[in-house]
Amino acid sequence: MAGNRDRFSTATRLKQLGERTAAHVYRSQSRRQVRRSRLTGRAALLVLVLCTLVVALAYPMRQYVSQRSEIAEQQRAADEARRRLEELRDEKARWQDPAYVEQQARQHLHYVRPGEIGYTVIDPDAEAEEKRRSGKDAADRPWYSNVWDGVDKADRPDNR
């Protein structure tokens, strides 16, 4: 009966309960460690595969984007060329019209019809300014006048 008594004593029960709990905790910790290490390995492999894919696809994607922008630029240039071609065709059609040719000759070449008198008005101030800008008069003047004109020209806000 003494063995039976030990079996049911509180100290014995607590000791057995503690041993079972310790064994259970130890088993669950070892399972978690196995899972963690296996999960970490999988995660590392997944990260390695993703990094490899990013590195492998980075250059082709850069090339693709670059080529798409070049294509867009070429299309813009082609559209501009088409627009310019249309302008030139319109201008060519205008030059086929004798009235337009006459208007341009009168405007740019100062042509007049027989019996008309043509006048050209020259602004004396504009002519003097043009001579000063071109420097044709500069050789006829003293050097200090040329220097002073250069200083005046540099001081003007419009730099004419």
N, C-alpha and C. Protein backbone atom coordinates (compact mmCIF):
# COMPACT_ATOMS: atom_id res chain seq x y z
N MET A 1 0.81 -1.16 0.00
CA MET A 1 0.00 0.00 0.00
C MET A 1 0.86 1.24 0.00
N ALA A 2 2.08 1.08 0.49
CA ALA A 2 2.98 2.22 0.52
C ALA A 2 3.31 2.66 -0.90
N GLY A 3 3.46 1.71 -1.84
CA GLY A 3 3.76 2.06 -3.23
C GLY A 3 2.60 2.77 -3.87
N ASN A 4 1.38 2.35 -3.45
CA ASN A 4 0.18 2.97 -3.95
C ASN A 4 0.06 4.39 -3.41
N ARG A 5 0.46 4.54 -2.23
CA ARG A 5 0.38 5.82 -1.58
C ARG A 5 1.32 6.82 -2.24
N ASP A 6 2.53 6.36 -2.58
CA ASP A 6 3.49 7.22 -3.27
C ASP A 6 2.94 7.65 -4.63
N ARG A 7 2.27 6.71 -5.21
CA ARG A 7 1.76 6.97 -6.55
C ARG A 7 0.74 8.09 -6.54
N PHE A 8 -0.03 8.19 -5.49
CA PHE A 8 -1.08 9.18 -5.43
C PHE A 8 -0.70 10.42 -4.62
N SER A 9 0.53 10.49 -4.17
CA SER A 9 0.91 11.66 -3.38
C SER A 9 1.00 12.87 -4.28
N THR A 10 0.82 14.02 -3.69
CA THR A 10 0.80 15.27 -4.45
C THR A 10 2.17 15.58 -5.00
N ALA A 11 3.20 15.34 -4.28
CA ALA A 11 4.55 15.64 -4.75
C ALA A 11 4.89 14.78 -5.95
N THR A 12 4.51 13.52 -5.90
CA THR A 12 4.80 12.63 -7.01
C THR A 12 4.02 13.07 -8.25
N ARG A 13 2.79 13.41 -8.03
CA ARG A 13 1.97 13.86 -9.17
C ARG A 13 2.55 15.13 -9.79
N LEU A 14 2.94 16.06 -8.96
CA LEU A 14 3.52 17.30 -9.49
C LEU A 14 4.82 17.04 -10.23
N LYS A 15 5.62 16.13 -9.72
CA LYS A 15 6.88 15.78 -10.38
C LYS A 15 6.61 15.16 -11.74
N GLN A 16 5.67 14.22 -11.83
CA GLN A 16 5.33 13.59 -13.10
C GLN A 16 4.75 14.61 -14.08
N LEU A 17 3.88 15.50 -13.58
CA LEU A 17 3.30 16.53 -14.43
C LEU A 17 4.37 17.47 -14.97
N GLY A 18 5.32 17.86 -14.15
CA GLY A 18 6.41 18.72 -14.59
C GLY A 18 7.28 18.04 -15.63
N GLU A 19 7.56 16.74 -15.45
CA GLU A 19 8.37 16.01 -16.43
C GLU A 19 7.65 15.91 -17.77
N ARG A 20 6.35 15.62 -17.72
CA ARG A 20 5.58 15.53 -18.98
C ARG A 20 5.53 16.89 -19.69
N THR A 21 5.31 17.94 -18.90
CA THR A 21 5.25 19.29 -19.49
C THR A 21 6.59 19.66 -20.10
N ALA A 22 7.68 19.36 -19.41
CA ALA A 22 9.01 19.68 -19.93
C ALA A 22 9.28 18.92 -21.21
N ALA A 23 8.87 17.64 -21.25
CA ALA A 23 9.07 16.84 -22.46
C ALA A 23 8.25 17.39 -23.61
N HIS A 24 7.02 17.80 -23.31
CA HIS A 24 6.14 18.36 -24.34
C HIS A 24 6.70 19.68 -24.89
N VAL A 25 7.17 20.54 -24.00
CA VAL A 25 7.76 21.82 -24.42
C VAL A 25 9.01 21.56 -25.25
N TYR A 26 9.84 20.65 -24.86
CA TYR A 26 11.07 20.35 -25.59
C TYR A 26 10.75 19.84 -26.99
N ARG A 27 9.75 18.94 -27.09
CA ARG A 27 9.37 18.40 -28.41
C ARG A 27 8.82 19.51 -29.30
N SER A 28 7.97 20.40 -28.78
CA SER A 28 7.39 21.45 -29.61
C SER A 28 8.46 22.47 -30.06
N GLN A 29 9.44 22.75 -29.21
CA GLN A 29 10.51 23.66 -29.61
C GLN A 29 11.36 23.06 -30.71
N SER A 30 11.64 21.80 -30.62
CA SER A 30 12.47 21.18 -31.65
C SER A 30 11.73 21.13 -32.98
N ARG A 31 10.39 20.93 -32.95
CA ARG A 31 9.61 20.95 -34.20
C ARG A 31 9.63 22.35 -34.82
N ARG A 32 9.47 23.37 -33.97
CA ARG A 32 9.49 24.75 -34.49
C ARG A 32 10.83 25.09 -35.11
N GLN A 33 11.89 24.67 -34.50
CA GLN A 33 13.22 24.94 -35.04
C GLN A 33 13.38 24.28 -36.39
N VAL A 34 12.90 23.07 -36.53
CA VAL A 34 13.00 22.38 -37.81
C VAL A 34 12.19 23.12 -38.86
N ARG A 35 10.99 23.53 -38.49
CA ARG A 35 10.15 24.26 -39.44
C ARG A 35 10.78 25.59 -39.82
N ARG A 36 11.29 26.32 -38.85
CA ARG A 36 11.89 27.62 -39.13
C ARG A 36 13.07 27.50 -40.06
N SER A 37 13.93 26.56 -39.80
CA SER A 37 15.11 26.42 -40.65
C SER A 37 14.70 26.01 -42.07
N ARG A 38 13.70 25.16 -42.18
CA ARG A 38 13.26 24.75 -43.50
C ARG A 38 12.57 25.91 -44.21
N LEU A 39 11.76 26.68 -43.49
CA LEU A 39 11.09 27.83 -44.06
C LEU A 39 12.11 28.90 -44.45
N THR A 40 13.11 29.12 -43.66
CA THR A 40 14.14 30.09 -43.96
C THR A 40 14.90 29.68 -45.22
N GLY A 41 15.16 28.44 -45.37
CA GLY A 41 15.83 27.95 -46.58
C GLY A 41 14.98 28.17 -47.82
N ARG A 42 13.70 27.92 -47.69
CA ARG A 42 12.79 28.15 -48.82
C ARG A 42 12.72 29.64 -49.15
N ALA A 43 12.64 30.45 -48.12
CA ALA A 43 12.58 31.89 -48.35
C ALA A 43 13.87 32.39 -49.00
N ALA A 44 15.00 31.87 -48.56
CA ALA A 44 16.28 32.27 -49.15
C ALA A 44 16.33 31.85 -50.61
N LEU A 45 15.85 30.66 -50.92
CA LEU A 45 15.84 30.19 -52.30
C LEU A 45 14.90 31.05 -53.14
N LEU A 46 13.74 31.39 -52.58
CA LEU A 46 12.80 32.24 -53.31
C LEU A 46 13.40 33.61 -53.57
N VAL A 47 14.06 34.19 -52.58
CA VAL A 47 14.71 35.50 -52.76
C VAL A 47 15.81 35.40 -53.81
N LEU A 48 16.57 34.33 -53.77
CA LEU A 48 17.64 34.13 -54.76
C LEU A 48 17.07 34.02 -56.17
N VAL A 49 15.99 33.28 -56.32
CA VAL A 49 15.35 33.14 -57.64
C VAL A 49 14.81 34.48 -58.11
N LEU A 50 14.15 35.23 -57.23
CA LEU A 50 13.61 36.54 -57.61
C LEU A 50 14.72 37.51 -57.99
N CYS A 51 15.80 37.52 -57.24
CA CYS A 51 16.93 38.40 -57.57
C CYS A 51 17.53 38.03 -58.92
N THR A 52 17.64 36.74 -59.17
CA THR A 52 18.17 36.28 -60.45
C THR A 52 17.26 36.73 -61.59
N LEU A 53 15.95 36.62 -61.39
CA LEU A 53 15.01 37.07 -62.43
C LEU A 53 15.11 38.57 -62.66
N VAL A 54 15.22 39.33 -61.59
CA VAL A 54 15.33 40.79 -61.73
C VAL A 54 16.60 41.15 -62.50
N VAL A 55 17.70 40.52 -62.13
CA VAL A 55 18.96 40.81 -62.81
C VAL A 55 18.89 40.37 -64.27
N ALA A 56 18.30 39.21 -64.51
CA ALA A 56 18.22 38.70 -65.88
C ALA A 56 17.30 39.54 -66.75
N LEU A 57 16.25 40.12 -66.17
CA LEU A 57 15.29 40.88 -66.97
C LEU A 57 15.56 42.38 -66.98
N ALA A 58 16.47 42.87 -66.17
CA ALA A 58 16.71 44.31 -66.09
C ALA A 58 17.22 44.87 -67.41
N TYR A 59 18.21 44.27 -68.00
CA TYR A 59 18.78 44.79 -69.25
C TYR A 59 17.79 44.72 -70.41
N PRO A 60 17.12 43.56 -70.61
CA PRO A 60 16.13 43.55 -71.70
C PRO A 60 15.00 44.55 -71.50
N MET A 61 14.57 44.77 -70.27
CA MET A 61 13.51 45.75 -70.03
C MET A 61 14.01 47.17 -70.32
N ARG A 62 15.25 47.44 -69.95
CA ARG A 62 15.82 48.76 -70.25
C ARG A 62 15.91 48.97 -71.75
N GLN A 63 16.33 47.95 -72.46
CA GLN A 63 16.41 48.04 -73.91
C GLN A 63 15.02 48.25 -74.51
N TYR A 64 14.04 47.54 -74.01
CA TYR A 64 12.67 47.64 -74.51
C TYR A 64 12.16 49.07 -74.33
N VAL A 65 12.33 49.62 -73.14
CA VAL A 65 11.87 50.98 -72.88
C VAL A 65 12.61 51.97 -73.77
N SER A 66 13.91 51.79 -73.90
CA SER A 66 14.71 52.67 -74.74
C SER A 66 14.26 52.62 -76.20
N GLN A 67 14.01 51.42 -76.70
CA GLN A 67 13.56 51.28 -78.08
C GLN A 67 12.18 51.86 -78.29
N ARG A 68 11.31 51.72 -77.29
CA ARG A 68 9.97 52.31 -77.41
C ARG A 68 10.06 53.83 -77.49
N SER A 69 10.96 54.43 -76.72
CA SER A 69 11.11 55.88 -76.78
C SER A 69 11.71 56.31 -78.12
N GLU A 70 12.64 55.52 -78.65
CA GLU A 70 13.20 55.83 -79.97
C GLU A 70 12.13 55.72 -81.05
N ILE A 71 11.29 54.72 -80.95
CA ILE A 71 10.20 54.56 -81.92
C ILE A 71 9.26 55.76 -81.86
N ALA A 72 8.92 56.18 -80.64
CA ALA A 72 8.04 57.34 -80.49
C ALA A 72 8.70 58.59 -81.08
N GLU A 73 10.00 58.76 -80.85
CA GLU A 73 10.72 59.91 -81.41
C GLU A 73 10.73 59.87 -82.94
N GLN A 74 10.95 58.70 -83.50
CA GLN A 74 10.94 58.56 -84.96
C GLN A 74 9.55 58.84 -85.53
N GLN A 75 8.52 58.43 -84.82
CA GLN A 75 7.16 58.71 -85.28
C GLN A 75 6.88 60.21 -85.24
N ARG A 76 7.35 60.88 -84.19
CA ARG A 76 7.19 62.34 -84.14
C ARG A 76 7.93 63.01 -85.29
N ALA A 77 9.13 62.54 -85.58
CA ALA A 77 9.91 63.11 -86.69
C ALA A 77 9.21 62.86 -88.02
N ALA A 78 8.64 61.67 -88.19
CA ALA A 78 7.92 61.36 -89.43
C ALA A 78 6.68 62.25 -89.56
N ASP A 79 5.96 62.47 -88.46
CA ASP A 79 4.80 63.36 -88.51
C ASP A 79 5.20 64.78 -88.86
N GLU A 80 6.31 65.24 -88.29
CA GLU A 80 6.82 66.58 -88.62
C GLU A 80 7.21 66.67 -90.09
N ALA A 81 7.84 65.62 -90.60
CA ALA A 81 8.22 65.61 -92.02
C ALA A 81 6.97 65.63 -92.92
N ARG A 82 5.93 64.89 -92.53
CA ARG A 82 4.68 64.91 -93.31
C ARG A 82 4.06 66.30 -93.31
N ARG A 83 4.07 66.94 -92.13
CA ARG A 83 3.50 68.28 -92.03
C ARG A 83 4.29 69.26 -92.89
N ARG A 84 5.61 69.15 -92.85
CA ARG A 84 6.46 70.04 -93.67
C ARG A 84 6.25 69.78 -95.15
N LEU A 85 6.06 68.52 -95.52
CA LEU A 85 5.79 68.18 -96.92
C LEU A 85 4.49 68.81 -97.39
N GLU A 86 3.47 68.77 -96.53
CA GLU A 86 2.19 69.40 -96.89
C GLU A 86 2.37 70.90 -97.07
N GLU A 87 3.15 71.54 -96.19
CA GLU A 87 3.40 72.98 -96.33
C GLU A 87 4.09 73.28 -97.66
N LEU A 88 5.08 72.47 -98.00
CA LEU A 88 5.80 72.69 -99.26
C LEU A 88 4.91 72.46 -100.47
N ARG A 89 4.04 71.47 -100.39
CA ARG A 89 3.10 71.23 -101.50
C ARG A 89 2.15 72.41 -101.65
N ASP A 90 1.67 72.94 -100.50
CA ASP A 90 0.80 74.11 -100.57
C ASP A 90 1.53 75.30 -101.17
N GLU A 91 2.78 75.50 -100.75
CA GLU A 91 3.56 76.62 -101.30
C GLU A 91 3.80 76.44 -102.80
N LYS A 92 4.07 75.22 -103.21
CA LYS A 92 4.27 74.94 -104.65
C LYS A 92 3.00 75.24 -105.43
N ALA A 93 1.87 74.87 -104.86
CA ALA A 93 0.59 75.15 -105.53
C ALA A 93 0.36 76.66 -105.62
N ARG A 94 0.74 77.42 -104.57
CA ARG A 94 0.59 78.88 -104.63
C ARG A 94 1.47 79.48 -105.72
N TRP A 95 2.68 78.94 -105.87
CA TRP A 95 3.59 79.48 -106.89
C TRP A 95 3.09 79.18 -108.30
N GLN A 96 2.19 78.25 -108.45
CA GLN A 96 1.61 77.97 -109.78
C GLN A 96 0.60 79.05 -110.18
N ASP A 97 0.15 79.82 -109.20
CA ASP A 97 -0.83 80.89 -109.46
C ASP A 97 -0.09 82.15 -109.89
N PRO A 98 -0.38 82.68 -111.10
CA PRO A 98 0.31 83.88 -111.58
C PRO A 98 0.09 85.11 -110.69
N ALA A 99 -1.05 85.24 -110.06
CA ALA A 99 -1.30 86.39 -109.19
C ALA A 99 -0.36 86.35 -107.98
N TYR A 100 -0.11 85.16 -107.44
CA TYR A 100 0.80 85.04 -106.30
C TYR A 100 2.23 85.38 -106.71
N VAL A 101 2.63 84.91 -107.91
CA VAL A 101 3.98 85.21 -108.41
C VAL A 101 4.15 86.72 -108.56
N GLU A 102 3.12 87.37 -109.11
CA GLU A 102 3.20 88.82 -109.29
C GLU A 102 3.28 89.53 -107.94
N GLN A 103 2.49 89.08 -106.98
CA GLN A 103 2.51 89.69 -105.65
C GLN A 103 3.89 89.56 -105.02
N GLN A 104 4.51 88.40 -105.13
CA GLN A 104 5.83 88.19 -104.54
C GLN A 104 6.89 89.03 -105.26
N ALA A 105 6.79 89.16 -106.59
CA ALA A 105 7.74 89.98 -107.33
C ALA A 105 7.61 91.44 -106.93
N ARG A 106 6.42 91.92 -106.77
CA ARG A 106 6.21 93.31 -106.36
C ARG A 106 6.75 93.54 -104.94
N GLN A 107 6.49 92.59 -104.06
CA GLN A 107 6.86 92.77 -102.67
C GLN A 107 8.37 92.64 -102.46
N HIS A 108 8.98 91.60 -102.98
CA HIS A 108 10.39 91.33 -102.68
C HIS A 108 11.36 91.95 -103.68
N LEU A 109 10.97 92.03 -104.93
CA LEU A 109 11.88 92.54 -105.95
C LEU A 109 11.55 93.98 -106.37
N HIS A 110 10.51 94.56 -105.80
CA HIS A 110 10.09 95.93 -106.05
C HIS A 110 9.76 96.14 -107.53
N TYR A 111 9.14 95.15 -108.14
CA TYR A 111 8.71 95.30 -109.53
C TYR A 111 7.46 96.16 -109.58
N VAL A 112 7.32 96.90 -110.69
CA VAL A 112 6.11 97.69 -110.90
C VAL A 112 5.60 97.40 -112.30
N ARG A 113 4.34 97.62 -112.52
CA ARG A 113 3.75 97.42 -113.85
C ARG A 113 4.13 98.63 -114.74
N PRO A 114 4.09 98.41 -116.03
CA PRO A 114 4.37 99.54 -116.92
C PRO A 114 3.37 100.68 -116.67
N GLY A 115 3.90 101.88 -116.57
CA GLY A 115 3.08 103.05 -116.33
C GLY A 115 2.97 103.40 -114.85
N GLU A 116 3.34 102.48 -113.94
CA GLU A 116 3.30 102.78 -112.52
C GLU A 116 4.65 103.38 -112.10
N ILE A 117 4.63 104.16 -111.04
CA ILE A 117 5.86 104.73 -110.53
C ILE A 117 6.11 104.09 -109.16
N GLY A 118 7.27 103.52 -108.99
CA GLY A 118 7.61 102.88 -107.74
C GLY A 118 8.43 103.79 -106.85
N TYR A 119 8.13 103.80 -105.60
CA TYR A 119 8.86 104.61 -104.63
C TYR A 119 9.46 103.70 -103.57
N THR A 120 10.67 104.04 -103.18
CA THR A 120 11.31 103.35 -102.06
C THR A 120 11.73 104.40 -101.07
N VAL A 121 11.23 104.31 -99.84
CA VAL A 121 11.54 105.28 -98.80
C VAL A 121 12.61 104.68 -97.91
N ILE A 122 13.68 105.46 -97.74
CA ILE A 122 14.78 105.00 -96.91
C ILE A 122 14.85 105.88 -95.68
N ASP A 123 14.86 105.28 -94.53
CA ASP A 123 14.95 106.00 -93.26
C ASP A 123 16.42 106.32 -93.01
N PRO A 124 16.80 107.59 -92.94
CA PRO A 124 18.21 107.94 -92.75
C PRO A 124 18.78 107.43 -91.43
N ASP A 125 17.96 107.40 -90.39
CA ASP A 125 18.44 106.90 -89.11
C ASP A 125 18.73 105.41 -89.18
N ALA A 126 17.88 104.70 -89.87
CA ALA A 126 18.08 103.26 -90.00
C ALA A 126 19.33 102.97 -90.81
N GLU A 127 19.59 103.77 -91.83
CA GLU A 127 20.78 103.57 -92.66
C GLU A 127 22.05 103.83 -91.85
N ALA A 128 22.06 104.89 -91.04
CA ALA A 128 23.23 105.20 -90.21
C ALA A 128 23.45 104.10 -89.18
N GLU A 129 22.37 103.64 -88.59
CA GLU A 129 22.47 102.56 -87.61
C GLU A 129 23.02 101.29 -88.26
N GLU A 130 22.57 101.01 -89.46
CA GLU A 130 23.05 99.82 -90.17
C GLU A 130 24.53 99.95 -90.48
N LYS A 131 24.98 101.13 -90.89
CA LYS A 131 26.40 101.33 -91.17
C LYS A 131 27.22 101.15 -89.89
N ARG A 132 26.72 101.69 -88.80
CA ARG A 132 27.43 101.57 -87.54
C ARG A 132 27.51 100.11 -87.10
N ARG A 133 26.43 99.37 -87.31
CA ARG A 133 26.42 97.97 -86.93
C ARG A 133 27.37 97.15 -87.80
N SER A 134 27.39 97.45 -89.07
CA SER A 134 28.25 96.68 -89.97
C SER A 134 29.71 97.09 -89.87
N GLY A 135 29.99 98.30 -89.38
CA GLY A 135 31.37 98.75 -89.19
C GLY A 135 31.99 99.34 -90.45
N LYS A 136 31.21 99.65 -91.47
CA LYS A 136 31.76 100.22 -92.70
C LYS A 136 32.31 101.62 -92.46
N ASP A 137 31.67 102.38 -91.59
CA ASP A 137 32.10 103.75 -91.31
C ASP A 137 33.23 103.79 -90.29
N ALA A 138 33.49 102.72 -89.60
CA ALA A 138 34.43 102.71 -88.48
C ALA A 138 35.85 103.07 -88.92
N ALA A 139 36.24 102.73 -90.13
CA ALA A 139 37.61 103.02 -90.59
C ALA A 139 37.82 104.52 -90.83
N ASP A 140 36.76 105.24 -91.11
CA ASP A 140 36.89 106.66 -91.41
C ASP A 140 36.92 107.52 -90.15
N ARG A 141 36.62 106.96 -88.99
CA ARG A 141 36.55 107.75 -87.76
C ARG A 141 37.79 107.51 -86.91
N PRO A 142 38.05 108.41 -85.95
CA PRO A 142 39.18 108.20 -85.05
C PRO A 142 38.91 106.99 -84.14
N TRP A 143 39.97 106.40 -83.66
CA TRP A 143 39.86 105.15 -82.90
C TRP A 143 39.06 105.32 -81.62
N TYR A 144 39.20 106.48 -80.97
CA TYR A 144 38.49 106.67 -79.71
C TYR A 144 36.97 106.75 -79.91
N SER A 145 36.53 107.18 -81.09
CA SER A 145 35.09 107.17 -81.38
C SER A 145 34.58 105.74 -81.47
N ASN A 146 35.38 104.89 -82.09
CA ASN A 146 34.99 103.48 -82.20
C ASN A 146 34.92 102.82 -80.82
N VAL A 147 35.89 103.17 -79.97
CA VAL A 147 35.89 102.60 -78.62
C VAL A 147 34.66 103.08 -77.85
N TRP A 148 34.37 104.39 -77.96
CA TRP A 148 33.23 104.93 -77.23
C TRP A 148 31.92 104.33 -77.74
N ASP A 149 31.81 104.11 -79.04
CA ASP A 149 30.61 103.47 -79.60
C ASP A 149 30.47 102.05 -79.08
N GLY A 150 31.59 101.37 -78.91
CA GLY A 150 31.55 100.01 -78.34
C GLY A 150 31.05 100.01 -76.91
N VAL A 151 31.48 101.02 -76.14
CA VAL A 151 31.02 101.14 -74.76
C VAL A 151 29.52 101.45 -74.74
N ASP A 152 29.09 102.36 -75.60
CA ASP A 152 27.66 102.68 -75.68
C ASP A 152 26.85 101.45 -76.08
N LYS A 153 27.36 100.71 -77.01
CA LYS A 153 26.65 99.52 -77.49
C LYS A 153 26.54 98.48 -76.37
N ALA A 154 27.57 98.34 -75.59
CA ALA A 154 27.56 97.37 -74.49
C ALA A 154 26.59 97.80 -73.38
N ASP A 155 26.38 99.11 -73.23
CA ASP A 155 25.48 99.60 -72.18
C ASP A 155 24.01 99.50 -72.54
N ARG A 156 23.70 99.35 -73.82
CA ARG A 156 22.29 99.28 -74.22
C ARG A 156 21.68 97.96 -73.79
N PRO A 157 20.44 97.99 -73.28
CA PRO A 157 19.82 96.74 -72.83
C PRO A 157 19.51 95.77 -73.97
N ASP A 158 19.23 96.30 -75.16
CA ASP A 158 18.91 95.39 -76.28
C ASP A 158 20.15 94.95 -77.04
N ASN A 159 21.33 95.46 -76.73
CA ASN A 159 22.63 95.10 -77.34
C ASN A 159 22.60 95.14 -78.85
N ARG A 160 22.11 96.22 -79.39
CA ARG A 160 22.13 96.35 -80.85
C ARG A 160 23.38 97.02 -81.30
